[in-house]
Amino acid sequence: MWASSQLTEKRPAGYDACMCKVRLRIKEVAAQKGMSQRRLAKLSGVDLRHIQRLFHHPDMSVTTNLLGKLAHALEVDVSELIESAPDDPQDETKVPSL
């Protein structure tokens, strides 16, 4: 059995034990662009119900393919649709975008 110190030593160089949480900014970016959920769904080819869930649950897991579709429809870089989120949901300090 591995000791925890042995597991740490086996991780790749630069590996950070603290996992970074990511928050989706789809709702904010769509609002900045004046784009409705329905229009975003139509332009991206993503089901309206899925768009609605993404707007209401910005911590959902998504694929890079989906992010690409949404970024293309919103005419932004994928990096504008995600940001680092604080580990503590009560933490009000904003973490800079990725």
PDB file of N, CA and C in Angstrom:
ATOM      1  N   MET A   1       0.839  -1.179   0.000  1.00  0.00           N
ATOM      2  CA  MET A   1       0.000   0.000   0.000  1.00  0.00           C
ATOM      3  C   MET A   1       0.884   1.243   0.000  1.00  0.00           C
ATOM      4  N   TRP A   2       0.474   2.259  -0.732  1.00  0.00           N
ATOM      5  CA  TRP A   2       1.226   3.502  -0.854  1.00  0.00           C
ATOM      6  C   TRP A   2       0.952   4.415   0.329  1.00  0.00           C
ATOM      7  N   ALA A   3       1.978   5.025   0.825  1.00  0.00           N
ATOM      8  CA  ALA A   3       1.815   6.086   1.828  1.00  0.00           C
ATOM      9  C   ALA A   3       1.477   7.370   1.074  1.00  0.00           C
ATOM     10  N   SER A   4       0.782   8.281   1.717  1.00  0.00           N
ATOM     11  CA  SER A   4       0.372   9.504   1.027  1.00  0.00           C
ATOM     12  C   SER A   4       1.561  10.287   0.494  1.00  0.00           C
ATOM     13  N   SER A   5       2.699  10.251   1.198  1.00  0.00           N
ATOM     14  CA  SER A   5       3.878  10.972   0.713  1.00  0.00           C
ATOM     15  C   SER A   5       4.399  10.336  -0.573  1.00  0.00           C
ATOM     16  N   GLN A   6       4.262   9.018  -0.706  1.00  0.00           N
ATOM     17  CA  GLN A   6       4.689   8.356  -1.922  1.00  0.00           C
ATOM     18  C   GLN A   6       3.786   8.725  -3.089  1.00  0.00           C
ATOM     19  N   LEU A   7       2.494   8.858  -2.840  1.00  0.00           N
ATOM     20  CA  LEU A   7       1.570   9.245  -3.900  1.00  0.00           C
ATOM     21  C   LEU A   7       1.887  10.639  -4.404  1.00  0.00           C
ATOM     22  N   THR A   8       2.187  11.543  -3.505  1.00  0.00           N
ATOM     23  CA  THR A   8       2.519  12.909  -3.882  1.00  0.00           C
ATOM     24  C   THR A   8       3.760  12.931  -4.754  1.00  0.00           C
ATOM     25  N   GLU A   9       4.733  12.123  -4.418  1.00  0.00           N
ATOM     26  CA  GLU A   9       5.981  12.086  -5.184  1.00  0.00           C
ATOM     27  C   GLU A   9       5.760  11.552  -6.597  1.00  0.00           C
ATOM     28  N   LYS A  10       4.742  10.759  -6.816  1.00  0.00           N
ATOM     29  CA  LYS A  10       4.493  10.156  -8.122  1.00  0.00           C
ATOM     30  C   LYS A  10       3.690  11.071  -9.061  1.00  0.00           C
ATOM     31  N   ARG A  11       3.196  12.194  -8.539  1.00  0.00           N
ATOM     32  CA  ARG A  11       2.411  13.109  -9.374  1.00  0.00           C
ATOM     33  C   ARG A  11       3.324  13.843 -10.334  1.00  0.00           C
ATOM     34  N   PRO A  12       2.800  14.241 -11.483  1.00  0.00           N
ATOM     35  CA  PRO A  12       3.614  14.975 -12.458  1.00  0.00           C
ATOM     36  C   PRO A  12       4.131  16.286 -11.882  1.00  0.00           C
ATOM     37  N   ALA A  13       5.257  16.747 -12.404  1.00  0.00           N
ATOM     38  CA  ALA A  13       5.823  18.023 -11.966  1.00  0.00           C
ATOM     39  C   ALA A  13       4.803  19.127 -12.216  1.00  0.00           C
ATOM     40  N   GLY A  14       4.665  20.023 -11.268  1.00  0.00           N
ATOM     41  CA  GLY A  14       3.735  21.130 -11.416  1.00  0.00           C
ATOM     42  C   GLY A  14       2.312  20.804 -11.011  1.00  0.00           C
ATOM     43  N   TYR A  15       2.060  19.581 -10.589  1.00  0.00           N
ATOM     44  CA  TYR A  15       0.720  19.186 -10.171  1.00  0.00           C
ATOM     45  C   TYR A  15       0.376  19.870  -8.867  1.00  0.00           C
ATOM     46  N   ASP A  16      -0.771  20.473  -8.819  1.00  0.00           N
ATOM     47  CA  ASP A  16      -1.218  21.154  -7.604  1.00  0.00           C
ATOM     48  C   ASP A  16      -2.306  20.303  -6.964  1.00  0.00           C
ATOM     49  N   ALA A  17      -2.121  19.942  -5.723  1.00  0.00           N
ATOM     50  CA  ALA A  17      -3.086  19.095  -5.029  1.00  0.00           C
ATOM     51  C   ALA A  17      -4.437  19.785  -4.874  1.00  0.00           C
ATOM     52  N   CYS A  18      -4.457  21.102  -4.910  1.00  0.00           N
ATOM     53  CA  CYS A  18      -5.706  21.853  -4.792  1.00  0.00           C
ATOM     54  C   CYS A  18      -6.352  21.946  -6.174  1.00  0.00           C
ATOM     55  N   MET A  19      -7.518  21.363  -6.305  1.00  0.00           N
ATOM     56  CA  MET A  19      -8.208  21.387  -7.591  1.00  0.00           C
ATOM     57  C   MET A  19      -8.856  22.752  -7.796  1.00  0.00           C
ATOM     58  N   CYS A  20      -8.735  23.276  -8.978  1.00  0.00           N
ATOM     59  CA  CYS A  20      -9.318  24.568  -9.317  1.00  0.00           C
ATOM     60  C   CYS A  20     -10.759  24.357  -9.763  1.00  0.00           C
ATOM     61  N   LYS A  21     -11.681  25.077  -9.140  1.00  0.00           N
ATOM     62  CA  LYS A  21     -13.076  25.003  -9.543  1.00  0.00           C
ATOM     63  C   LYS A  21     -13.307  26.025 -10.647  1.00  0.00           C
ATOM     64  N   VAL A  22     -14.164  25.669 -11.578  1.00  0.00           N
ATOM     65  CA  VAL A  22     -14.450  26.535 -12.712  1.00  0.00           C
ATOM     66  C   VAL A  22     -15.927  26.876 -12.715  1.00  0.00           C
ATOM     67  N   ARG A  23     -16.220  28.115 -13.049  1.00  0.00           N
ATOM     68  CA  ARG A  23     -17.595  28.592 -13.125  1.00  0.00           C
ATOM     69  C   ARG A  23     -17.842  29.068 -14.551  1.00  0.00           C
ATOM     70  N   LEU A  24     -18.992  28.687 -15.106  1.00  0.00           N
ATOM     71  CA  LEU A  24     -19.348  29.113 -16.461  1.00  0.00           C
ATOM     72  C   LEU A  24     -19.887  30.534 -16.443  1.00  0.00           C
ATOM     73  N   ARG A  25     -19.540  31.314 -17.451  1.00  0.00           N
ATOM     74  CA  ARG A  25     -19.987  32.699 -17.565  1.00  0.00           C
ATOM     75  C   ARG A  25     -20.926  32.884 -18.763  1.00  0.00           C
ATOM     76  N   ILE A  26     -21.574  31.824 -19.169  1.00  0.00           N
ATOM     77  CA  ILE A  26     -22.422  31.860 -20.367  1.00  0.00           C
ATOM     78  C   ILE A  26     -23.544  32.872 -20.214  1.00  0.00           C
ATOM     79  N   LYS A  27     -24.197  32.869 -19.077  1.00  0.00           N
ATOM     80  CA  LYS A  27     -25.305  33.789 -18.830  1.00  0.00           C
ATOM     81  C   LYS A  27     -24.841  35.247 -18.931  1.00  0.00           C
ATOM     82  N   GLU A  28     -23.715  35.555 -18.290  1.00  0.00           N
ATOM     83  CA  GLU A  28     -23.203  36.919 -18.295  1.00  0.00           C
ATOM     84  C   GLU A  28     -22.804  37.375 -19.696  1.00  0.00           C
ATOM     85  N   VAL A  29     -22.108  36.508 -20.415  1.00  0.00           N
ATOM     86  CA  VAL A  29     -21.652  36.869 -21.761  1.00  0.00           C
ATOM     87  C   VAL A  29     -22.839  37.043 -22.700  1.00  0.00           C
ATOM     88  N   ALA A  30     -23.816  36.154 -22.596  1.00  0.00           N
ATOM     89  CA  ALA A  30     -25.018  36.283 -23.440  1.00  0.00           C
ATOM     90  C   ALA A  30     -25.728  37.607 -23.136  1.00  0.00           C
ATOM     91  N   ALA A  31     -25.811  37.981 -21.872  1.00  0.00           N
ATOM     92  CA  ALA A  31     -26.450  39.245 -21.497  1.00  0.00           C
ATOM     93  C   ALA A  31     -25.684  40.434 -22.074  1.00  0.00           C
ATOM     94  N   GLN A  32     -24.354  40.383 -22.003  1.00  0.00           N
ATOM     95  CA  GLN A  32     -23.529  41.453 -22.570  1.00  0.00           C
ATOM     96  C   GLN A  32     -23.755  41.595 -24.069  1.00  0.00           C
ATOM     97  N   LYS A  33     -24.003  40.474 -24.730  1.00  0.00           N
ATOM     98  CA  LYS A  33     -24.218  40.470 -26.179  1.00  0.00           C
ATOM     99  C   LYS A  33     -25.681  40.726 -26.541  1.00  0.00           C
ATOM    100  N   GLY A  34     -26.545  40.807 -25.517  1.00  0.00           N
ATOM    101  CA  GLY A  34     -27.974  41.012 -25.771  1.00  0.00           C
ATOM    102  C   GLY A  34     -28.636  39.809 -26.430  1.00  0.00           C
ATOM    103  N   MET A  35     -28.121  38.613 -26.103  1.00  0.00           N
ATOM    104  CA  MET A  35     -28.625  37.396 -26.730  1.00  0.00           C
ATOM    105  C   MET A  35     -29.505  36.606 -25.765  1.00  0.00           C
ATOM    106  N   SER A  36     -30.683  36.245 -26.213  1.00  0.00           N
ATOM    107  CA  SER A  36     -31.607  35.454 -25.401  1.00  0.00           C
ATOM    108  C   SER A  36     -31.168  33.990 -25.379  1.00  0.00           C
ATOM    109  N   GLN A  37     -31.721  33.257 -24.437  1.00  0.00           N
ATOM    110  CA  GLN A  37     -31.445  31.820 -24.368  1.00  0.00           C
ATOM    111  C   GLN A  37     -31.906  31.132 -25.643  1.00  0.00           C
ATOM    112  N   ARG A  38     -33.068  31.508 -26.122  1.00  0.00           N
ATOM    113  CA  ARG A  38     -33.616  30.893 -27.331  1.00  0.00           C
ATOM    114  C   ARG A  38     -32.707  31.140 -28.545  1.00  0.00           C
ATOM    115  N   ARG A  39     -32.237  32.374 -28.678  1.00  0.00           N
ATOM    116  CA  ARG A  39     -31.357  32.715 -29.807  1.00  0.00           C
ATOM    117  C   ARG A  39     -30.028  31.968 -29.686  1.00  0.00           C
ATOM    118  N   LEU A  40     -29.494  31.892 -28.480  1.00  0.00           N
ATOM    119  CA  LEU A  40     -28.243  31.172 -28.262  1.00  0.00           C
ATOM    120  C   LEU A  40     -28.412  29.696 -28.614  1.00  0.00           C
ATOM    121  N   ALA A  41     -29.528  29.117 -28.217  1.00  0.00           N
ATOM    122  CA  ALA A  41     -29.799  27.713 -28.545  1.00  0.00           C
ATOM    123  C   ALA A  41     -29.847  27.517 -30.060  1.00  0.00           C
ATOM    124  N   LYS A  42     -30.525  28.415 -30.747  1.00  0.00           N
ATOM    125  CA  LYS A  42     -30.659  28.293 -32.201  1.00  0.00           C
ATOM    126  C   LYS A  42     -29.308  28.446 -32.901  1.00  0.00           C
ATOM    127  N   LEU A  43     -28.543  29.461 -32.515  1.00  0.00           N
ATOM    128  CA  LEU A  43     -27.255  29.705 -33.167  1.00  0.00           C
ATOM    129  C   LEU A  43     -26.200  28.642 -32.858  1.00  0.00           C
ATOM    130  N   SER A  44     -26.271  28.071 -31.653  1.00  0.00           N
ATOM    131  CA  SER A  44     -25.260  27.090 -31.246  1.00  0.00           C
ATOM    132  C   SER A  44     -25.632  25.659 -31.605  1.00  0.00           C
ATOM    133  N   GLY A  45     -26.933  25.421 -31.856  1.00  0.00           N
ATOM    134  CA  GLY A  45     -27.376  24.055 -32.110  1.00  0.00           C
ATOM    135  C   GLY A  45     -27.512  23.236 -30.837  1.00  0.00           C
ATOM    136  N   VAL A  46     -27.546  23.924 -29.692  1.00  0.00           N
ATOM    137  CA  VAL A  46     -27.680  23.263 -28.390  1.00  0.00           C
ATOM    138  C   VAL A  46     -29.141  23.383 -27.960  1.00  0.00           C
ATOM    139  N   ASP A  47     -29.688  22.311 -27.422  1.00  0.00           N
ATOM    140  CA  ASP A  47     -31.069  22.282 -26.981  1.00  0.00           C
ATOM    141  C   ASP A  47     -31.356  23.420 -25.995  1.00  0.00           C
ATOM    142  N   LEU A  48     -32.492  24.092 -26.161  1.00  0.00           N
ATOM    143  CA  LEU A  48     -32.873  25.205 -25.302  1.00  0.00           C
ATOM    144  C   LEU A  48     -32.879  24.805 -23.835  1.00  0.00           C
ATOM    145  N   ARG A  49     -33.392  23.636 -23.519  1.00  0.00           N
ATOM    146  CA  ARG A  49     -33.440  23.182 -22.123  1.00  0.00           C
ATOM    147  C   ARG A  49     -32.033  23.082 -21.532  1.00  0.00           C
ATOM    148  N   HIS A  50     -31.078  22.647 -22.340  1.00  0.00           N
ATOM    149  CA  HIS A  50     -29.688  22.547 -21.878  1.00  0.00           C
ATOM    150  C   HIS A  50     -29.129  23.945 -21.611  1.00  0.00           C
ATOM    151  N   ILE A  51     -29.418  24.883 -22.483  1.00  0.00           N
ATOM    152  CA  ILE A  51     -28.990  26.276 -22.293  1.00  0.00           C
ATOM    153  C   ILE A  51     -29.572  26.816 -20.990  1.00  0.00           C
ATOM    154  N   GLN A  52     -30.838  26.533 -20.751  1.00  0.00           N
ATOM    155  CA  GLN A  52     -31.485  27.002 -19.521  1.00  0.00           C
ATOM    156  C   GLN A  52     -30.788  26.447 -18.281  1.00  0.00           C
ATOM    157  N   ARG A  53     -30.434  25.167 -18.332  1.00  0.00           N
ATOM    158  CA  ARG A  53     -29.732  24.558 -17.197  1.00  0.00           C
ATOM    159  C   ARG A  53     -28.367  25.209 -16.985  1.00  0.00           C
ATOM    160  N   LEU A  54     -27.663  25.516 -18.066  1.00  0.00           N
ATOM    161  CA  LEU A  54     -26.351  26.161 -17.957  1.00  0.00           C
ATOM    162  C   LEU A  54     -26.469  27.555 -17.351  1.00  0.00           C
ATOM    163  N   PHE A  55     -27.524  28.284 -17.691  1.00  0.00           N
ATOM    164  CA  PHE A  55     -27.740  29.617 -17.141  1.00  0.00           C
ATOM    165  C   PHE A  55     -28.005  29.538 -15.637  1.00  0.00           C
ATOM    166  N   HIS A  56     -28.753  28.546 -15.214  1.00  0.00           N
ATOM    167  CA  HIS A  56     -29.141  28.428 -13.813  1.00  0.00           C
ATOM    168  C   HIS A  56     -28.134  27.683 -12.947  1.00  0.00           C
ATOM    169  N   HIS A  57     -27.256  26.919 -13.569  1.00  0.00           N
ATOM    170  CA  HIS A  57     -26.270  26.122 -12.833  1.00  0.00           C
ATOM    171  C   HIS A  57     -24.886  26.333 -13.448  1.00  0.00           C
ATOM    172  N   PRO A  58     -24.248  27.466 -13.159  1.00  0.00           N
ATOM    173  CA  PRO A  58     -22.960  27.775 -13.779  1.00  0.00           C
ATOM    174  C   PRO A  58     -21.806  26.882 -13.337  1.00  0.00           C
ATOM    175  N   ASP A  59     -22.072  25.965 -12.416  1.00  0.00           N
ATOM    176  CA  ASP A  59     -21.023  25.041 -11.981  1.00  0.00           C
ATOM    177  C   ASP A  59     -21.147  23.666 -12.641  1.00  0.00           C
ATOM    178  N   MET A  60     -22.031  23.564 -13.637  1.00  0.00           N
ATOM    179  CA  MET A  60     -22.212  22.291 -14.350  1.00  0.00           C
ATOM    180  C   MET A  60     -20.955  21.890 -15.116  1.00  0.00           C
ATOM    181  N   SER A  61     -20.751  20.605 -15.260  1.00  0.00           N
ATOM    182  CA  SER A  61     -19.673  20.104 -16.102  1.00  0.00           C
ATOM    183  C   SER A  61     -20.115  20.172 -17.558  1.00  0.00           C
ATOM    184  N   VAL A  62     -19.221  20.616 -18.408  1.00  0.00           N
ATOM    185  CA  VAL A  62     -19.517  20.686 -19.838  1.00  0.00           C
ATOM    186  C   VAL A  62     -18.309  20.189 -20.615  1.00  0.00           C
ATOM    187  N   THR A  63     -18.547  19.819 -21.855  1.00  0.00           N
ATOM    188  CA  THR A  63     -17.455  19.375 -22.707  1.00  0.00           C
ATOM    189  C   THR A  63     -16.829  20.574 -23.413  1.00  0.00           C
ATOM    190  N   THR A  64     -15.620  20.393 -23.869  1.00  0.00           N
ATOM    191  CA  THR A  64     -14.968  21.451 -24.643  1.00  0.00           C
ATOM    192  C   THR A  64     -15.703  21.665 -25.964  1.00  0.00           C
ATOM    193  N   ASN A  65     -16.314  20.622 -26.490  1.00  0.00           N
ATOM    194  CA  ASN A  65     -17.090  20.741 -27.719  1.00  0.00           C
ATOM    195  C   ASN A  65     -18.277  21.691 -27.508  1.00  0.00           C
ATOM    196  N   LEU A  66     -18.985  21.511 -26.396  1.00  0.00           N
ATOM    197  CA  LEU A  66     -20.116  22.378 -26.089  1.00  0.00           C
ATOM    198  C   LEU A  66     -19.647  23.820 -25.889  1.00  0.00           C
ATOM    199  N   LEU A  67     -18.565  24.003 -25.157  1.00  0.00           N
ATOM    200  CA  LEU A  67     -18.029  25.353 -24.965  1.00  0.00           C
ATOM    201  C   LEU A  67     -17.677  25.995 -26.300  1.00  0.00           C
ATOM    202  N   GLY A  68     -17.137  25.212 -27.196  1.00  0.00           N
ATOM    203  CA  GLY A  68     -16.788  25.719 -28.519  1.00  0.00           C
ATOM    204  C   GLY A  68     -18.012  26.180 -29.294  1.00  0.00           C
ATOM    205  N   LYS A  69     -19.081  25.404 -29.243  1.00  0.00           N
ATOM    206  CA  LYS A  69     -20.321  25.780 -29.925  1.00  0.00           C
ATOM    207  C   LYS A  69     -20.887  27.081 -29.377  1.00  0.00           C
ATOM    208  N   LEU A  70     -20.884  27.202 -28.048  1.00  0.00           N
ATOM    209  CA  LEU A  70     -21.425  28.395 -27.406  1.00  0.00           C
ATOM    210  C   LEU A  70     -20.555  29.609 -27.692  1.00  0.00           C
ATOM    211  N   ALA A  71     -19.244  29.429 -27.630  1.00  0.00           N
ATOM    212  CA  ALA A  71     -18.322  30.531 -27.916  1.00  0.00           C
ATOM    213  C   ALA A  71     -18.494  31.018 -29.354  1.00  0.00           C
ATOM    214  N   HIS A  72     -18.639  30.090 -30.277  1.00  0.00           N
ATOM    215  CA  HIS A  72     -18.834  30.447 -31.686  1.00  0.00           C
ATOM    216  C   HIS A  72     -20.128  31.241 -31.865  1.00  0.00           C
ATOM    217  N   ALA A  73     -21.206  30.776 -31.244  1.00  0.00           N
ATOM    218  CA  ALA A  73     -22.499  31.459 -31.349  1.00  0.00           C
ATOM    219  C   ALA A  73     -22.448  32.851 -30.722  1.00  0.00           C
ATOM    220  N   LEU A  74     -21.689  32.989 -29.641  1.00  0.00           N
ATOM    221  CA  LEU A  74     -21.581  34.274 -28.949  1.00  0.00           C
ATOM    222  C   LEU A  74     -20.473  35.159 -29.526  1.00  0.00           C
ATOM    223  N   GLU A  75     -19.719  34.611 -30.468  1.00  0.00           N
ATOM    224  CA  GLU A  75     -18.614  35.322 -31.119  1.00  0.00           C
ATOM    225  C   GLU A  75     -17.572  35.798 -30.104  1.00  0.00           C
ATOM    226  N   VAL A  76     -17.182  34.874 -29.216  1.00  0.00           N
ATOM    227  CA  VAL A  76     -16.142  35.146 -28.225  1.00  0.00           C
ATOM    228  C   VAL A  76     -15.184  33.962 -28.175  1.00  0.00           C
ATOM    229  N   ASP A  77     -14.059  34.157 -27.538  1.00  0.00           N
ATOM    230  CA  ASP A  77     -13.122  33.072 -27.302  1.00  0.00           C
ATOM    231  C   ASP A  77     -13.655  32.205 -26.165  1.00  0.00           C
ATOM    232  N   VAL A  78     -13.392  30.928 -26.222  1.00  0.00           N
ATOM    233  CA  VAL A  78     -13.854  29.998 -25.192  1.00  0.00           C
ATOM    234  C   VAL A  78     -13.422  30.464 -23.803  1.00  0.00           C
ATOM    235  N   SER A  79     -12.251  31.042 -23.698  1.00  0.00           N
ATOM    236  CA  SER A  79     -11.745  31.476 -22.391  1.00  0.00           C
ATOM    237  C   SER A  79     -12.637  32.523 -21.738  1.00  0.00           C
ATOM    238  N   GLU A  80     -13.449  33.231 -22.513  1.00  0.00           N
ATOM    239  CA  GLU A  80     -14.359  34.225 -21.943  1.00  0.00           C
ATOM    240  C   GLU A  80     -15.587  33.582 -21.287  1.00  0.00           C
ATOM    241  N   LEU A  81     -15.794  32.296 -21.526  1.00  0.00           N
ATOM    242  CA  LEU A  81     -16.974  31.612 -20.989  1.00  0.00           C
ATOM    243  C   LEU A  81     -16.717  30.899 -19.676  1.00  0.00           C
ATOM    244  N   ILE A  82     -15.478  30.927 -19.197  1.00  0.00           N
ATOM    245  CA  ILE A  82     -15.157  30.263 -17.940  1.00  0.00           C
ATOM    246  C   ILE A  82     -14.326  31.181 -17.063  1.00  0.00           C
ATOM    247  N   GLU A  83     -14.425  30.969 -15.751  1.00  0.00           N
ATOM    248  CA  GLU A  83     -13.589  31.693 -14.807  1.00  0.00           C
ATOM    249  C   GLU A  83     -13.320  30.792 -13.614  1.00  0.00           C
ATOM    250  N   SER A  84     -12.254  31.078 -12.913  1.00  0.00           N
ATOM    251  CA  SER A  84     -11.963  30.346 -11.682  1.00  0.00           C
ATOM    252  C   SER A  84     -12.995  30.737 -10.647  1.00  0.00           C
ATOM    253  N   ALA A  85     -13.400  29.773  -9.859  1.00  0.00           N
ATOM    254  CA  ALA A  85     -14.386  30.028  -8.812  1.00  0.00           C
ATOM    255  C   ALA A  85     -13.736  29.774  -7.465  1.00  0.00           C
ATOM    256  N   PRO A  86     -14.111  30.559  -6.461  1.00  0.00           N
ATOM    257  CA  PRO A  86     -13.544  30.321  -5.130  1.00  0.00           C
ATOM    258  C   PRO A  86     -13.966  28.963  -4.598  1.00  0.00           C
ATOM    259  N   ASP A  87     -13.091  28.341  -3.806  1.00  0.00           N
ATOM    260  CA  ASP A  87     -13.413  27.048  -3.196  1.00  0.00           C
ATOM    261  C   ASP A  87     -14.577  27.163  -2.238  1.00  0.00           C
ATOM    262  N   ASP A  88     -14.666  28.292  -1.545  1.00  0.00           N
ATOM    263  CA  ASP A  88     -15.728  28.519  -0.567  1.00  0.00           C
ATOM    264  C   ASP A  88     -16.833  29.338  -1.222  1.00  0.00           C
ATOM    265  N   PRO A  89     -18.025  28.775  -1.431  1.00  0.00           N
ATOM    266  CA  PRO A  89     -19.102  29.512  -2.082  1.00  0.00           C
ATOM    267  C   PRO A  89     -19.515  30.768  -1.317  1.00  0.00           C
ATOM    268  N   GLN A  90     -19.174  30.859  -0.032  1.00  0.00           N
ATOM    269  CA  GLN A  90     -19.500  32.040   0.758  1.00  0.00           C
ATOM    270  C   GLN A  90     -18.500  33.166   0.523  1.00  0.00           C
ATOM    271  N   ASP A  91     -17.367  32.848  -0.114  1.00  0.00           N
ATOM    272  CA  ASP A  91     -16.323  33.838  -0.376  1.00  0.00           C
ATOM    273  C   ASP A  91     -16.807  34.790  -1.460  1.00  0.00           C
ATOM    274  N   GLU A  92     -16.951  36.035  -1.121  1.00  0.00           N
ATOM    275  CA  GLU A  92     -17.479  37.036  -2.038  1.00  0.00           C
ATOM    276  C   GLU A  92     -16.410  37.640  -2.939  1.00  0.00           C
ATOM    277  N   THR A  93     -15.133  37.376  -2.655  1.00  0.00           N
ATOM    278  CA  THR A  93     -14.084  37.982  -3.465  1.00  0.00           C
ATOM    279  C   THR A  93     -14.058  37.322  -4.827  1.00  0.00           C
ATOM    280  N   LYS A  94     -14.026  38.135  -5.857  1.00  0.00           N
ATOM    281  CA  LYS A  94     -14.034  37.625  -7.225  1.00  0.00           C
ATOM    282  C   LYS A  94     -12.637  37.148  -7.581  1.00  0.00           C
ATOM    283  N   VAL A  95     -12.580  36.000  -8.217  1.00  0.00           N
ATOM    284  CA  VAL A  95     -11.330  35.434  -8.683  1.00  0.00           C
ATOM    285  C   VAL A  95     -11.190  35.812 -10.154  1.00  0.00           C
ATOM    286  N   PRO A  96     -10.040  36.267 -10.609  1.00  0.00           N
ATOM    287  CA  PRO A  96      -9.884  36.694 -12.002  1.00  0.00           C
ATOM    288  C   PRO A  96     -10.220  35.593 -12.990  1.00  0.00           C
ATOM    289  N   SER A  97     -10.698  35.991 -14.161  1.00  0.00           N
ATOM    290  CA  SER A  97     -11.013  35.046 -15.229  1.00  0.00           C
ATOM    291  C   SER A  97      -9.750  34.344 -15.700  1.00  0.00           C
ATOM    292  N   LEU A  98      -9.950  33.166 -16.254  1.00  0.00           N
ATOM    293  CA  LEU A  98      -8.825  32.420 -16.822  1.00  0.00           C
ATOM    294  C   LEU A  98      -8.386  33.042 -18.116  1.00  0.00           C
TER     295      LEU A  98
END
